[in-house]
Structure formats: structure tokens, C-alpha cells
Amino acid sequence: TLFRSANRTLIARLCKDDLSYYSYVEIYLQCGKQPLYSIGKSVYVGSPGAELAKWMTEKGQSGSQPVTPEDTVLFAVFEASKKPVQLGSSALCMFSLSQIGR
């Protein structure tokens, strides 16, 4: 199977007026590549501000769409999904909600 670990982080989307749940979608969130951080521990939703929005745009954090200081961003702290990783090792990743919505 593609995912052997039961520990992974998902974000779900459902249209407000969808009483039959036809629009329900789950998206896997992960952070980094080596090591892979896929166990979400804490999240915060907020605006990135001017400097962080510029950095996210320059680093391609939102695909081809620029991030503005007023955009909504999901800030998430992740733990490594595979051991051994240095004790206390974690990662902070940022996801533009406009990018997640596409």
C-alpha cells in the first residue's frame, strides 16, 4: 500500500450546503522530504504579513500564485513520521489556503 503508517495528517474540505457530503475531500499534509514530517502536532491560521508573504512567493510556497500579506495561511508544526530522528525534532511548514483549495 502507498501509506503504511496510520499516523498522518489530513485536512478535509466540505461545502457548507452539501447535506449529502458529495463534496467531501481529504488532502494529506506533510512537511519536508528527508526526513519526512507528516504527523501534525499543532496548527494556527493567520495572515503572513508582508515579509513572510514575499518569502513564500519567492520560494514557490503557493505554486505559481503570489501570496499577499492579507492571505490566509495555515501554520503547522509537524513531527517526523519515521524514527530514529533526533529527539525533539520538529518542523514548521506554511500552507496558503488558496493553494490548498485548488
C-alpha atoms as a PDB file:
ATOM      1  CA  THR A   1       0.000   0.000   0.000  1.00  0.00           C
ATOM      2  CA  LEU A   2       1.048   3.581  -0.507  1.00  0.00           C
ATOM      3  CA  PHE A   3       0.615   4.601   3.152  1.00  0.00           C
ATOM      4  CA  ARG A   4       1.746   2.003   5.663  1.00  0.00           C
ATOM      5  CA  SER A   5       1.693   4.246   8.707  1.00  0.00           C
ATOM      6  CA  ALA A   6      -1.609   5.058  10.363  1.00  0.00           C
ATOM      7  CA  ASN A   7      -0.061   8.295  11.619  1.00  0.00           C
ATOM      8  CA  ARG A   8      -0.554  11.010   9.035  1.00  0.00           C
ATOM      9  CA  THR A   9      -2.175  14.405   8.894  1.00  0.00           C
ATOM     10  CA  LEU A  10      -5.178  15.284   6.771  1.00  0.00           C
ATOM     11  CA  ILE A  11      -7.112  18.429   6.105  1.00  0.00           C
ATOM     12  CA  ALA A  12     -10.704  17.996   4.991  1.00  0.00           C
ATOM     13  CA  ARG A  13     -12.955  20.222   2.944  1.00  0.00           C
ATOM     14  CA  LEU A  14     -16.726  20.111   2.713  1.00  0.00           C
ATOM     15  CA  CYS A  15     -19.072  22.588   1.087  1.00  0.00           C
ATOM     16  CA  LYS A  16     -21.305  24.280   3.641  1.00  0.00           C
ATOM     17  CA  ASP A  17     -24.631  23.399   1.995  1.00  0.00           C
ATOM     18  CA  ASP A  18     -23.702  19.839   0.963  1.00  0.00           C
ATOM     19  CA  LEU A  19     -26.042  17.714   3.093  1.00  0.00           C
ATOM     20  CA  SER A  20     -25.079  14.515   1.234  1.00  0.00           C
ATOM     21  CA  TYR A  21     -21.289  15.002   1.674  1.00  0.00           C
ATOM     22  CA  TYR A  22     -20.638  14.684  -2.075  1.00  0.00           C
ATOM     23  CA  SER A  23     -18.080  17.491  -1.924  1.00  0.00           C
ATOM     24  CA  TYR A  24     -16.062  15.947   0.935  1.00  0.00           C
ATOM     25  CA  VAL A  25     -12.342  15.823   0.103  1.00  0.00           C
ATOM     26  CA  GLU A  26      -9.334  14.861   2.229  1.00  0.00           C
ATOM     27  CA  ILE A  27      -5.858  16.169   1.458  1.00  0.00           C
ATOM     28  CA  TYR A  28      -2.697  14.767   3.028  1.00  0.00           C
ATOM     29  CA  LEU A  29      -0.382  17.357   4.557  1.00  0.00           C
ATOM     30  CA  GLN A  30       3.302  16.737   5.054  1.00  0.00           C
ATOM     31  CA  CYS A  31       6.379  18.830   5.604  1.00  0.00           C
ATOM     32  CA  GLY A  32       9.866  18.290   4.240  1.00  0.00           C
ATOM     33  CA  LYS A  33      11.325  15.391   2.314  1.00  0.00           C
ATOM     34  CA  GLN A  34      14.201  13.834   4.286  1.00  0.00           C
ATOM     35  CA  PRO A  35      13.202  13.232   6.978  1.00  0.00           C
ATOM     36  CA  LEU A  36       9.516  13.352   6.184  1.00  0.00           C
ATOM     37  CA  TYR A  37       7.453  15.200   8.773  1.00  0.00           C
ATOM     38  CA  SER A  38       3.856  14.006   8.440  1.00  0.00           C
ATOM     39  CA  ILE A  39       2.436  13.945  11.966  1.00  0.00           C
ATOM     40  CA  GLY A  40       0.741  17.278  12.657  1.00  0.00           C
ATOM     41  CA  LYS A  41       1.042  18.434  16.249  1.00  0.00           C
ATOM     42  CA  SER A  42      -0.293  21.986  16.252  1.00  0.00           C
ATOM     43  CA  VAL A  43      -1.827  24.440  13.769  1.00  0.00           C
ATOM     44  CA  TYR A  44      -2.589  28.135  13.592  1.00  0.00           C
ATOM     45  CA  VAL A  45      -4.447  30.051  10.892  1.00  0.00           C
ATOM     46  CA  GLY A  46      -3.447  33.638  10.263  1.00  0.00           C
ATOM     47  CA  SER A  47      -2.086  36.183   7.809  1.00  0.00           C
ATOM     48  CA  PRO A  48       1.590  36.022   6.863  1.00  0.00           C
ATOM     49  CA  GLY A  49       2.429  39.735   6.826  1.00  0.00           C
ATOM     50  CA  ALA A  50       4.500  41.473   4.159  1.00  0.00           C
ATOM     51  CA  GLU A  51       7.924  39.858   4.689  1.00  0.00           C
ATOM     52  CA  LEU A  52       6.690  36.291   5.044  1.00  0.00           C
ATOM     53  CA  ALA A  53       4.289  36.666   2.093  1.00  0.00           C
ATOM     54  CA  LYS A  54       7.197  37.851  -0.057  1.00  0.00           C
ATOM     55  CA  TRP A  55       9.368  34.920   1.095  1.00  0.00           C
ATOM     56  CA  MET A  56       6.581  32.379   0.451  1.00  0.00           C
ATOM     57  CA  THR A  57       6.088  33.772  -3.068  1.00  0.00           C
ATOM     58  CA  GLU A  58       9.834  33.716  -3.835  1.00  0.00           C
ATOM     59  CA  LYS A  59      10.213  30.134  -2.577  1.00  0.00           C
ATOM     60  CA  GLY A  60       7.176  28.906  -4.519  1.00  0.00           C
ATOM     61  CA  GLN A  61       5.232  28.055  -1.361  1.00  0.00           C
ATOM     62  CA  SER A  62       1.960  28.751  -3.136  1.00  0.00           C
ATOM     63  CA  GLY A  63       2.656  27.339  -6.574  1.00  0.00           C
ATOM     64  CA  SER A  64       2.557  29.987  -9.282  1.00  0.00           C
ATOM     65  CA  GLN A  65       0.153  32.240  -7.389  1.00  0.00           C
ATOM     66  CA  PRO A  66       1.735  35.023  -5.287  1.00  0.00           C
ATOM     67  CA  VAL A  67       0.991  35.174  -1.560  1.00  0.00           C
ATOM     68  CA  THR A  68      -0.209  38.555  -0.279  1.00  0.00           C
ATOM     69  CA  PRO A  69       0.089  39.871   3.303  1.00  0.00           C
ATOM     70  CA  GLU A  70      -3.702  39.560   3.646  1.00  0.00           C
ATOM     71  CA  ASP A  71      -3.919  35.929   2.515  1.00  0.00           C
ATOM     72  CA  THR A  72      -4.918  33.198   4.937  1.00  0.00           C
ATOM     73  CA  VAL A  73      -2.106  30.782   5.776  1.00  0.00           C
ATOM     74  CA  LEU A  74      -2.112  27.554   7.763  1.00  0.00           C
ATOM     75  CA  PHE A  75       0.974  27.372  10.002  1.00  0.00           C
ATOM     76  CA  ALA A  76       1.565  23.781  11.140  1.00  0.00           C
ATOM     77  CA  VAL A  77       4.122  22.094  13.381  1.00  0.00           C
ATOM     78  CA  PHE A  78       4.942  18.528  12.372  1.00  0.00           C
ATOM     79  CA  GLU A  79       6.796  15.618  13.949  1.00  0.00           C
ATOM     80  CA  ALA A  80       8.832  13.143  11.899  1.00  0.00           C
ATOM     81  CA  SER A  81       6.844  10.115  10.760  1.00  0.00           C
ATOM     82  CA  LYS A  82       9.744   7.655  10.903  1.00  0.00           C
ATOM     83  CA  LYS A  83      12.197   7.057  13.681  1.00  0.00           C
ATOM     84  CA  PRO A  84      15.021   7.438  14.513  1.00  0.00           C
ATOM     85  CA  VAL A  85      15.029  11.212  14.300  1.00  0.00           C
ATOM     86  CA  GLN A  86      16.794  13.436  16.760  1.00  0.00           C
ATOM     87  CA  LEU A  87      14.764  13.747  19.950  1.00  0.00           C
ATOM     88  CA  GLY A  88      12.672  16.891  19.922  1.00  0.00           C
ATOM     89  CA  SER A  89      12.978  17.236  16.154  1.00  0.00           C
ATOM     90  CA  SER A  90      10.083  19.060  14.531  1.00  0.00           C
ATOM     91  CA  ALA A  91       9.335  21.235  11.519  1.00  0.00           C
ATOM     92  CA  LEU A  92       7.182  24.284  10.894  1.00  0.00           C
ATOM     93  CA  CYS A  93       5.524  24.482   7.488  1.00  0.00           C
ATOM     94  CA  MET A  94       3.184  27.023   5.965  1.00  0.00           C
ATOM     95  CA  PHE A  95       0.368  26.327   3.529  1.00  0.00           C
ATOM     96  CA  SER A  96      -1.552  29.038   1.702  1.00  0.00           C
ATOM     97  CA  LEU A  97      -5.254  28.182   1.987  1.00  0.00           C
ATOM     98  CA  SER A  98      -5.795  29.392  -1.581  1.00  0.00           C
ATOM     99  CA  GLN A  99      -3.249  26.777  -2.718  1.00  0.00           C
ATOM    100  CA  ILE A 100      -4.891  24.047  -0.619  1.00  0.00           C
ATOM    101  CA  GLY A 101      -8.276  24.985  -2.092  1.00  0.00           C
ATOM    102  CA  ARG A 102      -7.133  24.271  -5.662  1.00  0.00           C
END
